[in-house]
């Protein structure tokens, strides 16, 4: 299994610096085995994120020397606890329209989901993860459509998607505090590749 690091999608994603969604494009040498393949790529993706985090912390230590705290985040994960639900790819990729923006800058969309006390810290929709990060958005609906077109060029038709619980790794703890958390794996039959999308953030 390997990450498709040279895919042009990553360059596009970097043009949205406030995006808090971690996206990994992966290719598996093994033949597609449905949910089992999704679980394997999810574990691989999480291990990649941990590897990156450790490398960044090491680079900070080298850069700052004695000024570095030297603290290592106590990563934990139990992939066996992760539960998946098959979801309709078309509903996953829905991009809402903006109805209005009030004088405080709050954006109102033409969708049923909205953050409130009931949804606080829970599973967030795909579109919300991109359009409503905790510290302000630089991604609008037309940008999300552009990202989707680069990530899934064939649209929803060739996709198989799963939404996963977020109780199996402390990666998701920050999101559980307030903003929310989410985890999806998407297999593209046309391109024989996976997209793993993870989101967890707080203020």
C-alpha atoms as a PDB file:
ATOM      1  CA  UNK A   1       0.000   0.000   0.000  1.00  0.00           C
ATOM      2  CA  UNK A   2       1.237   3.496  -0.743  1.00  0.00           C
ATOM      3  CA  UNK A   3       0.168   7.111  -0.668  1.00  0.00           C
ATOM      4  CA  UNK A   4      -0.176   8.822  -4.033  1.00  0.00           C
ATOM      5  CA  UNK A   5       1.875  11.813  -2.913  1.00  0.00           C
ATOM      6  CA  UNK A   6       2.340  13.276  -6.400  1.00  0.00           C
ATOM      7  CA  UNK A   7      -1.373  13.498  -7.157  1.00  0.00           C
ATOM      8  CA  UNK A   8      -2.274  17.075  -8.222  1.00  0.00           C
ATOM      9  CA  UNK A   9      -5.140  17.050  -5.730  1.00  0.00           C
ATOM     10  CA  UNK A  10      -2.662  17.717  -2.913  1.00  0.00           C
ATOM     11  CA  UNK A  11      -1.444  20.904  -4.576  1.00  0.00           C
ATOM     12  CA  UNK A  12      -5.030  22.113  -4.873  1.00  0.00           C
ATOM     13  CA  UNK A  13      -5.729  21.265  -1.229  1.00  0.00           C
ATOM     14  CA  UNK A  14      -2.682  23.259  -0.119  1.00  0.00           C
ATOM     15  CA  UNK A  15      -4.288  26.367  -1.607  1.00  0.00           C
ATOM     16  CA  UNK A  16      -6.809  26.182   1.275  1.00  0.00           C
ATOM     17  CA  UNK A  17      -4.536  26.667   4.301  1.00  0.00           C
ATOM     18  CA  UNK A  18      -7.400  26.794   6.811  1.00  0.00           C
ATOM     19  CA  UNK A  19      -8.689  23.372   5.784  1.00  0.00           C
ATOM     20  CA  UNK A  20      -8.647  21.034   8.786  1.00  0.00           C
ATOM     21  CA  UNK A  21      -9.570  17.885   6.869  1.00  0.00           C
ATOM     22  CA  UNK A  22      -6.752  15.374   6.517  1.00  0.00           C
ATOM     23  CA  UNK A  23      -7.009  13.741   3.086  1.00  0.00           C
ATOM     24  CA  UNK A  24      -4.862  10.802   2.017  1.00  0.00           C
ATOM     25  CA  UNK A  25      -5.021   9.249  -1.444  1.00  0.00           C
ATOM     26  CA  UNK A  26      -3.932   5.632  -1.306  1.00  0.00           C
ATOM     27  CA  UNK A  27      -3.338   2.776  -3.689  1.00  0.00           C
ATOM     28  CA  UNK A  28      -3.428  -0.847  -2.566  1.00  0.00           C
ATOM     29  CA  UNK A  29      -1.482  -3.586  -4.354  1.00  0.00           C
ATOM     30  CA  UNK A  30      -3.976  -6.176  -3.137  1.00  0.00           C
ATOM     31  CA  UNK A  31      -7.261  -6.677  -4.955  1.00  0.00           C
ATOM     32  CA  UNK A  32     -10.291  -4.855  -3.621  1.00  0.00           C
ATOM     33  CA  UNK A  33     -12.014  -6.804  -0.828  1.00  0.00           C
ATOM     34  CA  UNK A  34     -14.819  -4.481   0.183  1.00  0.00           C
ATOM     35  CA  UNK A  35     -15.006  -3.448   3.825  1.00  0.00           C
ATOM     36  CA  UNK A  36     -11.783  -5.295   4.695  1.00  0.00           C
ATOM     37  CA  UNK A  37      -9.863  -3.126   2.230  1.00  0.00           C
ATOM     38  CA  UNK A  38     -11.448   0.004   3.676  1.00  0.00           C
ATOM     39  CA  UNK A  39     -10.380  -0.969   7.198  1.00  0.00           C
ATOM     40  CA  UNK A  40      -6.817  -1.662   6.042  1.00  0.00           C
ATOM     41  CA  UNK A  41      -6.470   1.668   4.241  1.00  0.00           C
ATOM     42  CA  UNK A  42      -7.944   3.485   7.233  1.00  0.00           C
ATOM     43  CA  UNK A  43      -5.315   1.971   9.526  1.00  0.00           C
ATOM     44  CA  UNK A  44      -2.565   2.769   7.006  1.00  0.00           C
ATOM     45  CA  UNK A  45      -3.779   6.378   6.750  1.00  0.00           C
ATOM     46  CA  UNK A  46      -3.844   6.868  10.512  1.00  0.00           C
ATOM     47  CA  UNK A  47      -0.337   5.429  10.861  1.00  0.00           C
ATOM     48  CA  UNK A  48       0.814   7.839   8.129  1.00  0.00           C
ATOM     49  CA  UNK A  49      -0.638  10.782  10.055  1.00  0.00           C
ATOM     50  CA  UNK A  50       1.107   9.654  13.232  1.00  0.00           C
ATOM     51  CA  UNK A  51       4.368   9.251  11.320  1.00  0.00           C
ATOM     52  CA  UNK A  52       4.037  12.800   9.965  1.00  0.00           C
ATOM     53  CA  UNK A  53       3.248  14.221  13.375  1.00  0.00           C
ATOM     54  CA  UNK A  54       6.310  12.583  14.913  1.00  0.00           C
ATOM     55  CA  UNK A  55       8.514  13.839  12.056  1.00  0.00           C
ATOM     56  CA  UNK A  56       7.194  17.409  12.522  1.00  0.00           C
ATOM     57  CA  UNK A  57       7.824  17.270  16.265  1.00  0.00           C
ATOM     58  CA  UNK A  58      11.338  15.971  15.666  1.00  0.00           C
ATOM     59  CA  UNK A  59      11.986  18.779  13.173  1.00  0.00           C
ATOM     60  CA  UNK A  60      10.790  21.300  15.789  1.00  0.00           C
ATOM     61  CA  UNK A  61      13.183  19.831  18.341  1.00  0.00           C
ATOM     62  CA  UNK A  62      16.061  20.128  15.897  1.00  0.00           C
ATOM     63  CA  UNK A  63      15.065  23.683  14.967  1.00  0.00           C
ATOM     64  CA  UNK A  64      14.397  24.989  18.461  1.00  0.00           C
ATOM     65  CA  UNK A  65      16.842  22.846  20.431  1.00  0.00           C
ATOM     66  CA  UNK A  66      16.541  23.656  24.107  1.00  0.00           C
ATOM     67  CA  UNK A  67      13.532  25.862  23.397  1.00  0.00           C
ATOM     68  CA  UNK A  68      11.520  22.800  22.386  1.00  0.00           C
ATOM     69  CA  UNK A  69       9.233  21.236  24.952  1.00  0.00           C
ATOM     70  CA  UNK A  70      10.247  17.765  23.779  1.00  0.00           C
ATOM     71  CA  UNK A  71       6.717  16.542  24.425  1.00  0.00           C
ATOM     72  CA  UNK A  72       5.391  13.725  22.281  1.00  0.00           C
ATOM     73  CA  UNK A  73       1.643  13.452  21.774  1.00  0.00           C
ATOM     74  CA  UNK A  74       0.522  10.148  23.322  1.00  0.00           C
ATOM     75  CA  UNK A  75      -1.045   8.665  20.198  1.00  0.00           C
ATOM     76  CA  UNK A  76      -3.439   5.777  20.650  1.00  0.00           C
ATOM     77  CA  UNK A  77      -5.611   3.794  18.289  1.00  0.00           C
ATOM     78  CA  UNK A  78      -7.579   0.563  18.283  1.00  0.00           C
ATOM     79  CA  UNK A  79      -8.696  -0.152  14.715  1.00  0.00           C
ATOM     80  CA  UNK A  80     -10.692  -3.139  15.972  1.00  0.00           C
ATOM     81  CA  UNK A  81     -13.121  -0.712  17.638  1.00  0.00           C
ATOM     82  CA  UNK A  82     -13.762   1.225  14.424  1.00  0.00           C
ATOM     83  CA  UNK A  83     -17.247   0.522  13.099  1.00  0.00           C
ATOM     84  CA  UNK A  84     -18.322   1.353   9.552  1.00  0.00           C
ATOM     85  CA  UNK A  85     -21.615   2.130   7.878  1.00  0.00           C
ATOM     86  CA  UNK A  86     -21.961   2.014   4.102  1.00  0.00           C
ATOM     87  CA  UNK A  87     -23.184   5.363   2.811  1.00  0.00           C
ATOM     88  CA  UNK A  88     -24.486   6.723  -0.470  1.00  0.00           C
ATOM     89  CA  UNK A  89     -21.539   8.475  -2.175  1.00  0.00           C
ATOM     90  CA  UNK A  90     -23.855  11.015  -3.805  1.00  0.00           C
ATOM     91  CA  UNK A  91     -25.222  12.098  -0.422  1.00  0.00           C
ATOM     92  CA  UNK A  92     -21.683  12.224   0.991  1.00  0.00           C
ATOM     93  CA  UNK A  93     -20.552  14.652  -1.715  1.00  0.00           C
ATOM     94  CA  UNK A  94     -23.500  17.037  -1.427  1.00  0.00           C
ATOM     95  CA  UNK A  95     -22.394  20.672  -1.512  1.00  0.00           C
ATOM     96  CA  UNK A  96     -24.907  23.104  -0.024  1.00  0.00           C
ATOM     97  CA  UNK A  97     -25.656  26.565  -1.329  1.00  0.00           C
ATOM     98  CA  UNK A  98     -25.306  29.642   0.840  1.00  0.00           C
ATOM     99  CA  UNK A  99     -28.700  31.155   1.624  1.00  0.00           C
ATOM    100  CA  UNK A 100     -27.423  34.202   3.488  1.00  0.00           C
ATOM    101  CA  UNK A 101     -24.692  35.548   5.727  1.00  0.00           C
ATOM    102  CA  UNK A 102     -25.759  37.554   8.767  1.00  0.00           C
ATOM    103  CA  UNK A 103     -24.041  40.684  10.054  1.00  0.00           C
ATOM    104  CA  UNK A 104     -21.870  38.575  12.405  1.00  0.00           C
ATOM    105  CA  UNK A 105     -20.554  36.574   9.470  1.00  0.00           C
ATOM    106  CA  UNK A 106     -22.562  33.440  10.293  1.00  0.00           C
ATOM    107  CA  UNK A 107     -23.307  31.504   7.115  1.00  0.00           C
ATOM    108  CA  UNK A 108     -26.678  29.832   6.603  1.00  0.00           C
ATOM    109  CA  UNK A 109     -26.882  26.955   4.121  1.00  0.00           C
ATOM    110  CA  UNK A 110     -29.758  25.239   2.350  1.00  0.00           C
ATOM    111  CA  UNK A 111     -29.311  22.022   4.342  1.00  0.00           C
ATOM    112  CA  UNK A 112     -30.883  20.341   7.340  1.00  0.00           C
ATOM    113  CA  UNK A 113     -27.726  19.972   9.444  1.00  0.00           C
ATOM    114  CA  UNK A 114     -26.588  22.751  11.722  1.00  0.00           C
ATOM    115  CA  UNK A 115     -24.317  22.890  14.735  1.00  0.00           C
ATOM    116  CA  UNK A 116     -26.243  22.961  18.002  1.00  0.00           C
ATOM    117  CA  UNK A 117     -26.148  21.452  21.477  1.00  0.00           C
ATOM    118  CA  UNK A 118     -27.371  18.105  20.123  1.00  0.00           C
ATOM    119  CA  UNK A 119     -24.691  17.899  17.421  1.00  0.00           C
ATOM    120  CA  UNK A 120     -21.873  19.364  19.536  1.00  0.00           C
ATOM    121  CA  UNK A 121     -18.783  17.147  19.373  1.00  0.00           C
ATOM    122  CA  UNK A 122     -20.526  14.574  17.195  1.00  0.00           C
ATOM    123  CA  UNK A 123     -20.267  13.353  13.620  1.00  0.00           C
ATOM    124  CA  UNK A 124     -20.121  16.273  11.206  1.00  0.00           C
ATOM    125  CA  UNK A 125     -21.146  16.189   7.536  1.00  0.00           C
ATOM    126  CA  UNK A 126     -18.497  16.054   4.834  1.00  0.00           C
ATOM    127  CA  UNK A 127     -19.355  19.511   3.492  1.00  0.00           C
ATOM    128  CA  UNK A 128     -19.286  21.057   6.982  1.00  0.00           C
ATOM    129  CA  UNK A 129     -15.783  19.694   7.585  1.00  0.00           C
ATOM    130  CA  UNK A 130     -14.546  21.745   4.622  1.00  0.00           C
ATOM    131  CA  UNK A 131     -16.775  24.822   4.759  1.00  0.00           C
ATOM    132  CA  UNK A 132     -16.980  25.495   8.505  1.00  0.00           C
ATOM    133  CA  UNK A 133     -13.618  24.879  10.208  1.00  0.00           C
ATOM    134  CA  UNK A 134     -13.328  26.266  13.759  1.00  0.00           C
ATOM    135  CA  UNK A 135     -11.081  29.222  12.913  1.00  0.00           C
ATOM    136  CA  UNK A 136     -12.797  30.589   9.831  1.00  0.00           C
ATOM    137  CA  UNK A 137     -13.170  29.262   6.332  1.00  0.00           C
ATOM    138  CA  UNK A 138     -11.395  30.070   3.113  1.00  0.00           C
ATOM    139  CA  UNK A 139     -13.384  27.420   1.259  1.00  0.00           C
ATOM    140  CA  UNK A 140     -16.743  28.283  -0.328  1.00  0.00           C
ATOM    141  CA  UNK A 141     -19.238  25.904  -1.968  1.00  0.00           C
ATOM    142  CA  UNK A 142     -17.672  26.464  -5.406  1.00  0.00           C
ATOM    143  CA  UNK A 143     -14.263  25.577  -3.924  1.00  0.00           C
ATOM    144  CA  UNK A 144     -15.600  22.366  -2.448  1.00  0.00           C
ATOM    145  CA  UNK A 145     -17.050  21.432  -5.833  1.00  0.00           C
ATOM    146  CA  UNK A 146     -13.591  22.033  -7.330  1.00  0.00           C
ATOM    147  CA  UNK A 147     -11.964  19.862  -4.643  1.00  0.00           C
ATOM    148  CA  UNK A 148     -14.518  17.107  -5.192  1.00  0.00           C
ATOM    149  CA  UNK A 149     -13.918  17.177  -8.953  1.00  0.00           C
ATOM    150  CA  UNK A 150     -10.174  16.760  -8.387  1.00  0.00           C
ATOM    151  CA  UNK A 151     -10.595  14.104  -5.717  1.00  0.00           C
ATOM    152  CA  UNK A 152     -13.357  12.126  -7.449  1.00  0.00           C
ATOM    153  CA  UNK A 153     -13.141  12.938 -11.194  1.00  0.00           C
ATOM    154  CA  UNK A 154     -15.811  10.404 -12.121  1.00  0.00           C
ATOM    155  CA  UNK A 155     -18.352  11.826  -9.696  1.00  0.00           C
ATOM    156  CA  UNK A 156     -20.242   9.631  -7.246  1.00  0.00           C
ATOM    157  CA  UNK A 157     -21.113   6.781  -9.618  1.00  0.00           C
ATOM    158  CA  UNK A 158     -17.860   4.743  -9.345  1.00  0.00           C
ATOM    159  CA  UNK A 159     -17.499   5.267  -5.583  1.00  0.00           C
ATOM    160  CA  UNK A 160     -18.059   3.032  -2.579  1.00  0.00           C
ATOM    161  CA  UNK A 161     -18.050   4.961   0.680  1.00  0.00           C
ATOM    162  CA  UNK A 162     -18.072   4.183   4.388  1.00  0.00           C
ATOM    163  CA  UNK A 163     -18.532   6.454   7.381  1.00  0.00           C
ATOM    164  CA  UNK A 164     -16.607   5.312  10.448  1.00  0.00           C
ATOM    165  CA  UNK A 165     -17.099   5.828  14.149  1.00  0.00           C
ATOM    166  CA  UNK A 166     -14.625   8.176  15.809  1.00  0.00           C
ATOM    167  CA  UNK A 167     -14.122   6.422  19.150  1.00  0.00           C
ATOM    168  CA  UNK A 168     -11.115   4.316  18.182  1.00  0.00           C
ATOM    169  CA  UNK A 169      -8.274   6.873  18.214  1.00  0.00           C
ATOM    170  CA  UNK A 170      -7.412   9.937  20.253  1.00  0.00           C
ATOM    171  CA  UNK A 171      -6.891  11.729  16.923  1.00  0.00           C
ATOM    172  CA  UNK A 172     -10.610  12.521  17.228  1.00  0.00           C
ATOM    173  CA  UNK A 173     -10.547  13.775  20.833  1.00  0.00           C
ATOM    174  CA  UNK A 174     -10.162  17.441  19.906  1.00  0.00           C
ATOM    175  CA  UNK A 175     -13.261  17.323  17.725  1.00  0.00           C
ATOM    176  CA  UNK A 176     -15.251  15.562  20.421  1.00  0.00           C
ATOM    177  CA  UNK A 177     -14.741  18.596  22.649  1.00  0.00           C
ATOM    178  CA  UNK A 178     -16.858  20.883  20.473  1.00  0.00           C
ATOM    179  CA  UNK A 179     -16.579  21.246  16.672  1.00  0.00           C
ATOM    180  CA  UNK A 180     -17.065  17.619  15.780  1.00  0.00           C
ATOM    181  CA  UNK A 181     -15.191  14.751  14.183  1.00  0.00           C
ATOM    182  CA  UNK A 182     -15.595  12.581  11.114  1.00  0.00           C
ATOM    183  CA  UNK A 183     -13.963   9.727   9.282  1.00  0.00           C
ATOM    184  CA  UNK A 184     -14.693   8.424   5.797  1.00  0.00           C
ATOM    185  CA  UNK A 185     -13.076   5.970   3.417  1.00  0.00           C
ATOM    186  CA  UNK A 186     -13.989   6.110  -0.268  1.00  0.00           C
ATOM    187  CA  UNK A 187     -12.995   3.609  -2.948  1.00  0.00           C
ATOM    188  CA  UNK A 188     -12.973   4.803  -6.567  1.00  0.00           C
ATOM    189  CA  UNK A 189     -13.499   1.794  -8.862  1.00  0.00           C
ATOM    190  CA  UNK A 190     -12.545   3.766 -11.984  1.00  0.00           C
ATOM    191  CA  UNK A 191      -9.171   4.801 -10.583  1.00  0.00           C
ATOM    192  CA  UNK A 192      -8.657   1.796  -8.269  1.00  0.00           C
ATOM    193  CA  UNK A 193      -7.667   4.066  -5.414  1.00  0.00           C
ATOM    194  CA  UNK A 194      -8.912   5.123  -2.007  1.00  0.00           C
ATOM    195  CA  UNK A 195      -9.468   8.492  -0.397  1.00  0.00           C
ATOM    196  CA  UNK A 196      -9.349   8.590   3.392  1.00  0.00           C
ATOM    197  CA  UNK A 197     -10.812  11.740   4.915  1.00  0.00           C
ATOM    198  CA  UNK A 198     -10.462  12.506   8.611  1.00  0.00           C
ATOM    199  CA  UNK A 199     -11.530  15.591  10.511  1.00  0.00           C
ATOM    200  CA  UNK A 200     -11.135  16.599  14.128  1.00  0.00           C
ATOM    201  CA  UNK A 201     -10.573  20.096  15.466  1.00  0.00           C
ATOM    202  CA  UNK A 202     -11.520  22.403  18.278  1.00  0.00           C
ATOM    203  CA  UNK A 203     -11.173  26.062  19.156  1.00  0.00           C
END
